[in-house]
Amino acid sequence: MIKLNIHEAKTHLSKYLARLEKGETIVLCKRNTPIAEIRPLPATRKKPRRLGLGKGTVTIAAGFFDPLPDELLDLFEDKRS
């Protein structure tokens, strides 16, 4: 982990970007007080994810598609009594 004050980060940004690409994390400080963390993004996938990997892990309740009660619909439409 690299700790940097704002001035140093602005001055040497390109140098630190190379280290970020290698997986290091930067803690950005303002007057030596941490205010933010800069981390590298995860690598993008080379192949698309296969479909159906979660098959059988989700169940939908029997009444999921039933109409909502009028009292609840009124709340969505801001029809307060």
PDB file of N, CA and C in Angstrom:
ATOM      1  N   MET A   1       0.842  -1.171   0.000  1.00  0.00           N
ATOM      2  CA  MET A   1       0.000   0.000   0.000  1.00  0.00           C
ATOM      3  C   MET A   1       0.893   1.241   0.000  1.00  0.00           C
ATOM      4  N   ILE A   2       0.519   2.198  -0.825  1.00  0.00           N
ATOM      5  CA  ILE A   2       1.280   3.433  -0.968  1.00  0.00           C
ATOM      6  C   ILE A   2       0.460   4.561  -0.350  1.00  0.00           C
ATOM      7  N   LYS A   3       1.062   5.349   0.552  1.00  0.00           N
ATOM      8  CA  LYS A   3       0.386   6.524   1.117  1.00  0.00           C
ATOM      9  C   LYS A   3       0.955   7.769   0.447  1.00  0.00           C
ATOM     10  N   LEU A   4       0.045   8.582  -0.107  1.00  0.00           N
ATOM     11  CA  LEU A   4       0.473   9.792  -0.812  1.00  0.00           C
ATOM     12  C   LEU A   4      -0.356  10.988  -0.385  1.00  0.00           C
ATOM     13  N   ASN A   5       0.307  12.117  -0.246  1.00  0.00           N
ATOM     14  CA  ASN A   5      -0.434  13.359  -0.092  1.00  0.00           C
ATOM     15  C   ASN A   5      -0.854  13.833  -1.477  1.00  0.00           C
ATOM     16  N   ILE A   6      -1.851  14.669  -1.532  1.00  0.00           N
ATOM     17  CA  ILE A   6      -2.440  15.097  -2.797  1.00  0.00           C
ATOM     18  C   ILE A   6      -1.390  15.709  -3.725  1.00  0.00           C
ATOM     19  N   HIS A   7      -0.544  16.572  -3.191  1.00  0.00           N
ATOM     20  CA  HIS A   7       0.462  17.240  -4.024  1.00  0.00           C
ATOM     21  C   HIS A   7       1.378  16.219  -4.700  1.00  0.00           C
ATOM     22  N   GLU A   8       1.848  15.241  -3.937  1.00  0.00           N
ATOM     23  CA  GLU A   8       2.733  14.217  -4.508  1.00  0.00           C
ATOM     24  C   GLU A   8       2.019  13.391  -5.568  1.00  0.00           C
ATOM     25  N   ALA A   9       0.756  13.073  -5.332  1.00  0.00           N
ATOM     26  CA  ALA A   9      -0.009  12.285  -6.305  1.00  0.00           C
ATOM     27  C   ALA A   9      -0.165  13.064  -7.611  1.00  0.00           C
ATOM     28  N   LYS A  10      -0.456  14.363  -7.510  1.00  0.00           N
ATOM     29  CA  LYS A  10      -0.609  15.174  -8.724  1.00  0.00           C
ATOM     30  C   LYS A  10       0.719  15.305  -9.465  1.00  0.00           C
ATOM     31  N   THR A  11       1.796  15.444  -8.736  1.00  0.00           N
ATOM     32  CA  THR A  11       3.100  15.659  -9.347  1.00  0.00           C
ATOM     33  C   THR A  11       3.623  14.407 -10.056  1.00  0.00           C
ATOM     34  N   HIS A  12       3.403  13.227  -9.463  1.00  0.00           N
ATOM     35  CA  HIS A  12       3.985  11.990  -9.983  1.00  0.00           C
ATOM     36  C   HIS A  12       2.918  10.963 -10.359  1.00  0.00           C
ATOM     37  N   LEU A  13       1.800  11.412 -10.873  1.00  0.00           N
ATOM     38  CA  LEU A  13       0.677  10.521 -11.148  1.00  0.00           C
ATOM     39  C   LEU A  13       1.054   9.372 -12.083  1.00  0.00           C
ATOM     40  N   SER A  14       1.751   9.663 -13.174  1.00  0.00           N
ATOM     41  CA  SER A  14       2.074   8.608 -14.137  1.00  0.00           C
ATOM     42  C   SER A  14       2.944   7.522 -13.515  1.00  0.00           C
ATOM     43  N   LYS A  15       3.844   7.884 -12.636  1.00  0.00           N
ATOM     44  CA  LYS A  15       4.699   6.904 -11.960  1.00  0.00           C
ATOM     45  C   LYS A  15       3.854   5.961 -11.099  1.00  0.00           C
ATOM     46  N   TYR A  16       2.864   6.509 -10.414  1.00  0.00           N
ATOM     47  CA  TYR A  16       2.040   5.693  -9.528  1.00  0.00           C
ATOM     48  C   TYR A  16       1.002   4.879 -10.294  1.00  0.00           C
ATOM     49  N   LEU A  17       0.594   5.343 -11.459  1.00  0.00           N
ATOM     50  CA  LEU A  17      -0.343   4.558 -12.269  1.00  0.00           C
ATOM     51  C   LEU A  17       0.277   3.234 -12.691  1.00  0.00           C
ATOM     52  N   ALA A  18       1.554   3.245 -12.985  1.00  0.00           N
ATOM     53  CA  ALA A  18       2.242   2.009 -13.359  1.00  0.00           C
ATOM     54  C   ALA A  18       2.223   1.016 -12.196  1.00  0.00           C
ATOM     55  N   ARG A  19       2.372   1.510 -10.975  1.00  0.00           N
ATOM     56  CA  ARG A  19       2.329   0.622  -9.805  1.00  0.00           C
ATOM     57  C   ARG A  19       0.911   0.126  -9.542  1.00  0.00           C
ATOM     58  N   LEU A  20      -0.077   0.964  -9.836  1.00  0.00           N
ATOM     59  CA  LEU A  20      -1.474   0.527  -9.702  1.00  0.00           C
ATOM     60  C   LEU A  20      -1.774  -0.631 -10.642  1.00  0.00           C
ATOM     61  N   GLU A  21      -1.276  -0.534 -11.853  1.00  0.00           N
ATOM     62  CA  GLU A  21      -1.498  -1.596 -12.837  1.00  0.00           C
ATOM     63  C   GLU A  21      -0.930  -2.926 -12.364  1.00  0.00           C
ATOM     64  N   LYS A  22       0.083  -2.890 -11.536  1.00  0.00           N
ATOM     65  CA  LYS A  22       0.687  -4.113 -11.019  1.00  0.00           C
ATOM     66  C   LYS A  22      -0.062  -4.652  -9.805  1.00  0.00           C
ATOM     67  N   GLY A  23      -1.108  -3.932  -9.345  1.00  0.00           N
ATOM     68  CA  GLY A  23      -1.932  -4.446  -8.255  1.00  0.00           C
ATOM     69  C   GLY A  23      -1.807  -3.708  -6.932  1.00  0.00           C
ATOM     70  N   GLU A  24      -0.959  -2.697  -6.837  1.00  0.00           N
ATOM     71  CA  GLU A  24      -0.818  -1.973  -5.577  1.00  0.00           C
ATOM     72  C   GLU A  24      -2.011  -1.043  -5.343  1.00  0.00           C
ATOM     73  N   THR A  25      -2.207  -0.674  -4.085  1.00  0.00           N
ATOM     74  CA  THR A  25      -3.281   0.231  -3.682  1.00  0.00           C
ATOM     75  C   THR A  25      -2.656   1.533  -3.196  1.00  0.00           C
ATOM     76  N   ILE A  26      -3.309   2.650  -3.523  1.00  0.00           N
ATOM     77  CA  ILE A  26      -2.844   3.965  -3.082  1.00  0.00           C
ATOM     78  C   ILE A  26      -3.850   4.530  -2.090  1.00  0.00           C
ATOM     79  N   VAL A  27      -3.343   4.999  -0.953  1.00  0.00           N
ATOM     80  CA  VAL A  27      -4.177   5.726   0.004  1.00  0.00           C
ATOM     81  C   VAL A  27      -3.849   7.198  -0.190  1.00  0.00           C
ATOM     82  N   LEU A  28      -4.843   7.960  -0.599  1.00  0.00           N
ATOM     83  CA  LEU A  28      -4.666   9.383  -0.862  1.00  0.00           C
ATOM     84  C   LEU A  28      -4.941  10.153   0.423  1.00  0.00           C
ATOM     85  N   CYS A  29      -4.001  11.023   0.802  1.00  0.00           N
ATOM     86  CA  CYS A  29      -4.109  11.745   2.070  1.00  0.00           C
ATOM     87  C   CYS A  29      -4.161  13.247   1.838  1.00  0.00           C
ATOM     88  N   LYS A  30      -4.822  13.917   2.745  1.00  0.00           N
ATOM     89  CA  LYS A  30      -4.840  15.383   2.778  1.00  0.00           C
ATOM     90  C   LYS A  30      -4.234  15.774   4.110  1.00  0.00           C
ATOM     91  N   ARG A  31      -3.060  16.382   4.067  1.00  0.00           N
ATOM     92  CA  ARG A  31      -2.298  16.717   5.269  1.00  0.00           C
ATOM     93  C   ARG A  31      -2.085  15.487   6.148  1.00  0.00           C
ATOM     94  N   ASN A  32      -1.657  14.401   5.524  1.00  0.00           N
ATOM     95  CA  ASN A  32      -1.350  13.126   6.175  1.00  0.00           C
ATOM     96  C   ASN A  32      -2.546  12.429   6.805  1.00  0.00           C
ATOM     97  N   THR A  33      -3.757  12.862   6.466  1.00  0.00           N
ATOM     98  CA  THR A  33      -4.973  12.201   6.934  1.00  0.00           C
ATOM     99  C   THR A  33      -5.604  11.485   5.742  1.00  0.00           C
ATOM    100  N   PRO A  34      -5.767  10.163   5.803  1.00  0.00           N
ATOM    101  CA  PRO A  34      -6.348   9.423   4.674  1.00  0.00           C
ATOM    102  C   PRO A  34      -7.753   9.901   4.335  1.00  0.00           C
ATOM    103  N   ILE A  35      -7.994  10.126   3.032  1.00  0.00           N
ATOM    104  CA  ILE A  35      -9.328  10.559   2.593  1.00  0.00           C
ATOM    105  C   ILE A  35      -9.899   9.668   1.490  1.00  0.00           C
ATOM    106  N   ALA A  36      -9.043   8.911   0.818  1.00  0.00           N
ATOM    107  CA  ALA A  36      -9.544   8.068  -0.272  1.00  0.00           C
ATOM    108  C   ALA A  36      -8.569   6.930  -0.527  1.00  0.00           C
ATOM    109  N   GLU A  37      -9.113   5.900  -1.163  1.00  0.00           N
ATOM    110  CA  GLU A  37      -8.284   4.759  -1.543  1.00  0.00           C
ATOM    111  C   GLU A  37      -8.448   4.536  -3.038  1.00  0.00           C
ATOM    112  N   ILE A  38      -7.355   4.361  -3.731  1.00  0.00           N
ATOM    113  CA  ILE A  38      -7.384   4.116  -5.170  1.00  0.00           C
ATOM    114  C   ILE A  38      -6.872   2.692  -5.386  1.00  0.00           C
ATOM    115  N   ARG A  39      -7.729   1.870  -6.000  1.00  0.00           N
ATOM    116  CA  ARG A  39      -7.373   0.467  -6.242  1.00  0.00           C
ATOM    117  C   ARG A  39      -7.487   0.168  -7.724  1.00  0.00           C
ATOM    118  N   PRO A  40      -6.722  -0.794  -8.214  1.00  0.00           N
ATOM    119  CA  PRO A  40      -6.856  -1.172  -9.624  1.00  0.00           C
ATOM    120  C   PRO A  40      -8.173  -1.890  -9.859  1.00  0.00           C
ATOM    121  N   LEU A  41      -8.714  -1.732 -11.035  1.00  0.00           N
ATOM    122  CA  LEU A  41      -9.935  -2.447 -11.403  1.00  0.00           C
ATOM    123  C   LEU A  41      -9.599  -3.900 -11.704  1.00  0.00           C
ATOM    124  N   PRO A  42     -10.553  -4.799 -11.462  1.00  0.00           N
ATOM    125  CA  PRO A  42     -10.278  -6.201 -11.816  1.00  0.00           C
ATOM    126  C   PRO A  42     -10.137  -6.352 -13.323  1.00  0.00           C
ATOM    127  N   ALA A  43      -9.379  -7.341 -13.717  1.00  0.00           N
ATOM    128  CA  ALA A  43      -9.159  -7.584 -15.146  1.00  0.00           C
ATOM    129  C   ALA A  43     -10.482  -7.948 -15.824  1.00  0.00           C
ATOM    130  N   THR A  44     -10.644  -7.511 -17.053  1.00  0.00           N
ATOM    131  CA  THR A  44     -11.864  -7.832 -17.793  1.00  0.00           C
ATOM    132  C   THR A  44     -11.803  -9.276 -18.262  1.00  0.00           C
ATOM    133  N   ARG A  45     -12.975  -9.871 -18.390  1.00  0.00           N
ATOM    134  CA  ARG A  45     -13.053 -11.261 -18.831  1.00  0.00           C
ATOM    135  C   ARG A  45     -12.657 -11.387 -20.294  1.00  0.00           C
ATOM    136  N   LYS A  46     -11.961 -12.453 -20.590  1.00  0.00           N
ATOM    137  CA  LYS A  46     -11.588 -12.724 -21.977  1.00  0.00           C
ATOM    138  C   LYS A  46     -12.725 -13.437 -22.705  1.00  0.00           C
ATOM    139  N   LYS A  47     -13.441 -14.306 -21.984  1.00  0.00           N
ATOM    140  CA  LYS A  47     -14.561 -15.046 -22.563  1.00  0.00           C
ATOM    141  C   LYS A  47     -15.842 -14.653 -21.839  1.00  0.00           C
ATOM    142  N   PRO A  48     -16.970 -14.653 -22.537  1.00  0.00           N
ATOM    143  CA  PRO A  48     -18.229 -14.351 -21.854  1.00  0.00           C
ATOM    144  C   PRO A  48     -18.579 -15.445 -20.848  1.00  0.00           C
ATOM    145  N   ARG A  49     -19.288 -15.060 -19.804  1.00  0.00           N
ATOM    146  CA  ARG A  49     -19.706 -16.005 -18.772  1.00  0.00           C
ATOM    147  C   ARG A  49     -20.755 -16.958 -19.320  1.00  0.00           C
ATOM    148  N   ARG A  50     -20.655 -18.238 -18.994  1.00  0.00           N
ATOM    149  CA  ARG A  50     -21.619 -19.228 -19.459  1.00  0.00           C
ATOM    150  C   ARG A  50     -22.977 -18.977 -18.827  1.00  0.00           C
ATOM    151  N   LEU A  51     -24.028 -19.180 -19.587  1.00  0.00           N
ATOM    152  CA  LEU A  51     -25.381 -19.044 -19.076  1.00  0.00           C
ATOM    153  C   LEU A  51     -25.751 -20.265 -18.261  1.00  0.00           C
ATOM    154  N   GLY A  52     -26.619 -20.062 -17.260  1.00  0.00           N
ATOM    155  CA  GLY A  52     -27.162 -21.171 -16.496  1.00  0.00           C
ATOM    156  C   GLY A  52     -26.319 -21.617 -15.326  1.00  0.00           C
ATOM    157  N   LEU A  53     -25.303 -20.872 -14.932  1.00  0.00           N
ATOM    158  CA  LEU A  53     -24.450 -21.285 -13.822  1.00  0.00           C
ATOM    159  C   LEU A  53     -25.202 -21.289 -12.487  1.00  0.00           C
ATOM    160  N   GLY A  54     -26.233 -20.472 -12.355  1.00  0.00           N
ATOM    161  CA  GLY A  54     -26.985 -20.397 -11.102  1.00  0.00           C
ATOM    162  C   GLY A  54     -28.278 -21.190 -11.136  1.00  0.00           C
ATOM    163  N   LYS A  55     -28.438 -22.029 -12.127  1.00  0.00           N
ATOM    164  CA  LYS A  55     -29.685 -22.778 -12.275  1.00  0.00           C
ATOM    165  C   LYS A  55     -29.966 -23.611 -11.017  1.00  0.00           C
ATOM    166  N   GLY A  56     -31.220 -23.474 -10.515  1.00  0.00           N
ATOM    167  CA  GLY A  56     -31.631 -24.232  -9.345  1.00  0.00           C
ATOM    168  C   GLY A  56     -31.300 -23.570  -8.022  1.00  0.00           C
ATOM    169  N   THR A  57     -30.675 -22.381  -8.043  1.00  0.00           N
ATOM    170  CA  THR A  57     -30.315 -21.719  -6.789  1.00  0.00           C
ATOM    171  C   THR A  57     -31.334 -20.679  -6.353  1.00  0.00           C
ATOM    172  N   VAL A  58     -32.276 -20.317  -7.214  1.00  0.00           N
ATOM    173  CA  VAL A  58     -33.278 -19.304  -6.896  1.00  0.00           C
ATOM    174  C   VAL A  58     -34.665 -19.925  -7.013  1.00  0.00           C
ATOM    175  N   THR A  59     -35.501 -19.649  -6.014  1.00  0.00           N
ATOM    176  CA  THR A  59     -36.892 -20.090  -6.081  1.00  0.00           C
ATOM    177  C   THR A  59     -37.797 -18.873  -5.960  1.00  0.00           C
ATOM    178  N   ILE A  60     -38.892 -18.886  -6.677  1.00  0.00           N
ATOM    179  CA  ILE A  60     -39.849 -17.779  -6.654  1.00  0.00           C
ATOM    180  C   ILE A  60     -41.088 -18.267  -5.920  1.00  0.00           C
ATOM    181  N   ALA A  61     -41.528 -17.472  -4.952  1.00  0.00           N
ATOM    182  CA  ALA A  61     -42.699 -17.842  -4.144  1.00  0.00           C
ATOM    183  C   ALA A  61     -43.933 -17.982  -5.034  1.00  0.00           C
ATOM    184  N   ALA A  62     -44.855 -18.822  -4.610  1.00  0.00           N
ATOM    185  CA  ALA A  62     -46.054 -19.117  -5.399  1.00  0.00           C
ATOM    186  C   ALA A  62     -46.870 -17.859  -5.704  1.00  0.00           C
ATOM    187  N   GLY A  63     -46.995 -16.930  -4.780  1.00  0.00           N
ATOM    188  CA  GLY A  63     -47.817 -15.739  -4.986  1.00  0.00           C
ATOM    189  C   GLY A  63     -47.072 -14.546  -5.548  1.00  0.00           C
ATOM    190  N   PHE A  64     -45.881 -14.746  -6.078  1.00  0.00           N
ATOM    191  CA  PHE A  64     -45.048 -13.636  -6.553  1.00  0.00           C
ATOM    192  C   PHE A  64     -45.741 -12.799  -7.624  1.00  0.00           C
ATOM    193  N   PHE A  65     -46.473 -13.443  -8.524  1.00  0.00           N
ATOM    194  CA  PHE A  65     -47.094 -12.725  -9.636  1.00  0.00           C
ATOM    195  C   PHE A  65     -48.538 -12.324  -9.351  1.00  0.00           C
ATOM    196  N   ASP A  66     -49.037 -12.592  -8.143  1.00  0.00           N
ATOM    197  CA  ASP A  66     -50.395 -12.181  -7.787  1.00  0.00           C
ATOM    198  C   ASP A  66     -50.474 -10.657  -7.730  1.00  0.00           C
ATOM    199  N   PRO A  67     -51.659 -10.084  -8.009  1.00  0.00           N
ATOM    200  CA  PRO A  67     -51.803  -8.625  -7.923  1.00  0.00           C
ATOM    201  C   PRO A  67     -51.550  -8.133  -6.500  1.00  0.00           C
ATOM    202  N   LEU A  68     -51.013  -6.925  -6.391  1.00  0.00           N
ATOM    203  CA  LEU A  68     -50.753  -6.326  -5.084  1.00  0.00           C
ATOM    204  C   LEU A  68     -52.054  -5.815  -4.475  1.00  0.00           C
ATOM    205  N   PRO A  69     -52.137  -5.783  -3.142  1.00  0.00           N
ATOM    206  CA  PRO A  69     -53.330  -5.233  -2.483  1.00  0.00           C
ATOM    207  C   PRO A  69     -53.480  -3.742  -2.807  1.00  0.00           C
ATOM    208  N   ASP A  70     -54.727  -3.261  -2.807  1.00  0.00           N
ATOM    209  CA  ASP A  70     -55.001  -1.859  -3.135  1.00  0.00           C
ATOM    210  C   ASP A  70     -54.264  -0.894  -2.205  1.00  0.00           C
ATOM    211  N   GLU A  71     -54.142  -1.243  -0.923  1.00  0.00           N
ATOM    212  CA  GLU A  71     -53.457  -0.341   0.028  1.00  0.00           C
ATOM    213  C   GLU A  71     -51.990  -0.139  -0.378  1.00  0.00           C
ATOM    214  N   LEU A  72     -51.358  -1.194  -0.833  1.00  0.00           N
ATOM    215  CA  LEU A  72     -49.961  -1.092  -1.250  1.00  0.00           C
ATOM    216  C   LEU A  72     -49.833  -0.328  -2.564  1.00  0.00           C
ATOM    217  N   LEU A  73     -50.742  -0.558  -3.492  1.00  0.00           N
ATOM    218  CA  LEU A  73     -50.726   0.189  -4.752  1.00  0.00           C
ATOM    219  C   LEU A  73     -50.927   1.675  -4.508  1.00  0.00           C
ATOM    220  N   ASP A  74     -51.795   2.010  -3.556  1.00  0.00           N
ATOM    221  CA  ASP A  74     -52.026   3.423  -3.217  1.00  0.00           C
ATOM    222  C   ASP A  74     -50.740   4.076  -2.713  1.00  0.00           C
ATOM    223  N   LEU A  75     -49.931   3.346  -1.962  1.00  0.00           N
ATOM    224  CA  LEU A  75     -48.661   3.900  -1.474  1.00  0.00           C
ATOM    225  C   LEU A  75     -47.695   4.189  -2.626  1.00  0.00           C
ATOM    226  N   PHE A  76     -47.673   3.293  -3.631  1.00  0.00           N
ATOM    227  CA  PHE A  76     -46.813   3.524  -4.793  1.00  0.00           C
ATOM    228  C   PHE A  76     -47.260   4.737  -5.584  1.00  0.00           C
ATOM    229  N   GLU A  77     -48.584   4.979  -5.626  1.00  0.00           N
ATOM    230  CA  GLU A  77     -49.134   6.086  -6.398  1.00  0.00           C
ATOM    231  C   GLU A  77     -49.321   7.335  -5.539  1.00  0.00           C
ATOM    232  N   ASP A  78     -48.829   7.315  -4.309  1.00  0.00           N
ATOM    233  CA  ASP A  78     -48.913   8.434  -3.365  1.00  0.00           C
ATOM    234  C   ASP A  78     -50.355   8.846  -3.106  1.00  0.00           C
ATOM    235  N   LYS A  79     -51.242   7.871  -2.978  1.00  0.00           N
ATOM    236  CA  LYS A  79     -52.644   8.132  -2.622  1.00  0.00           C
ATOM    237  C   LYS A  79     -52.820   7.797  -1.148  1.00  0.00           C
ATOM    238  N   ARG A  80     -52.346   8.692  -0.300  1.00  0.00           N
ATOM    239  CA  ARG A  80     -52.450   8.449   1.135  1.00  0.00           C
ATOM    240  C   ARG A  80     -53.842   8.762   1.632  1.00  0.00           C
ATOM    241  N   SER A  81     -54.311   7.961   2.602  1.00  0.00           N
ATOM    242  CA  SER A  81     -55.650   8.205   3.129  1.00  0.00           C
ATOM    243  C   SER A  81     -55.650   9.206   4.252  1.00  0.00           C
TER     244      SER A  81
END
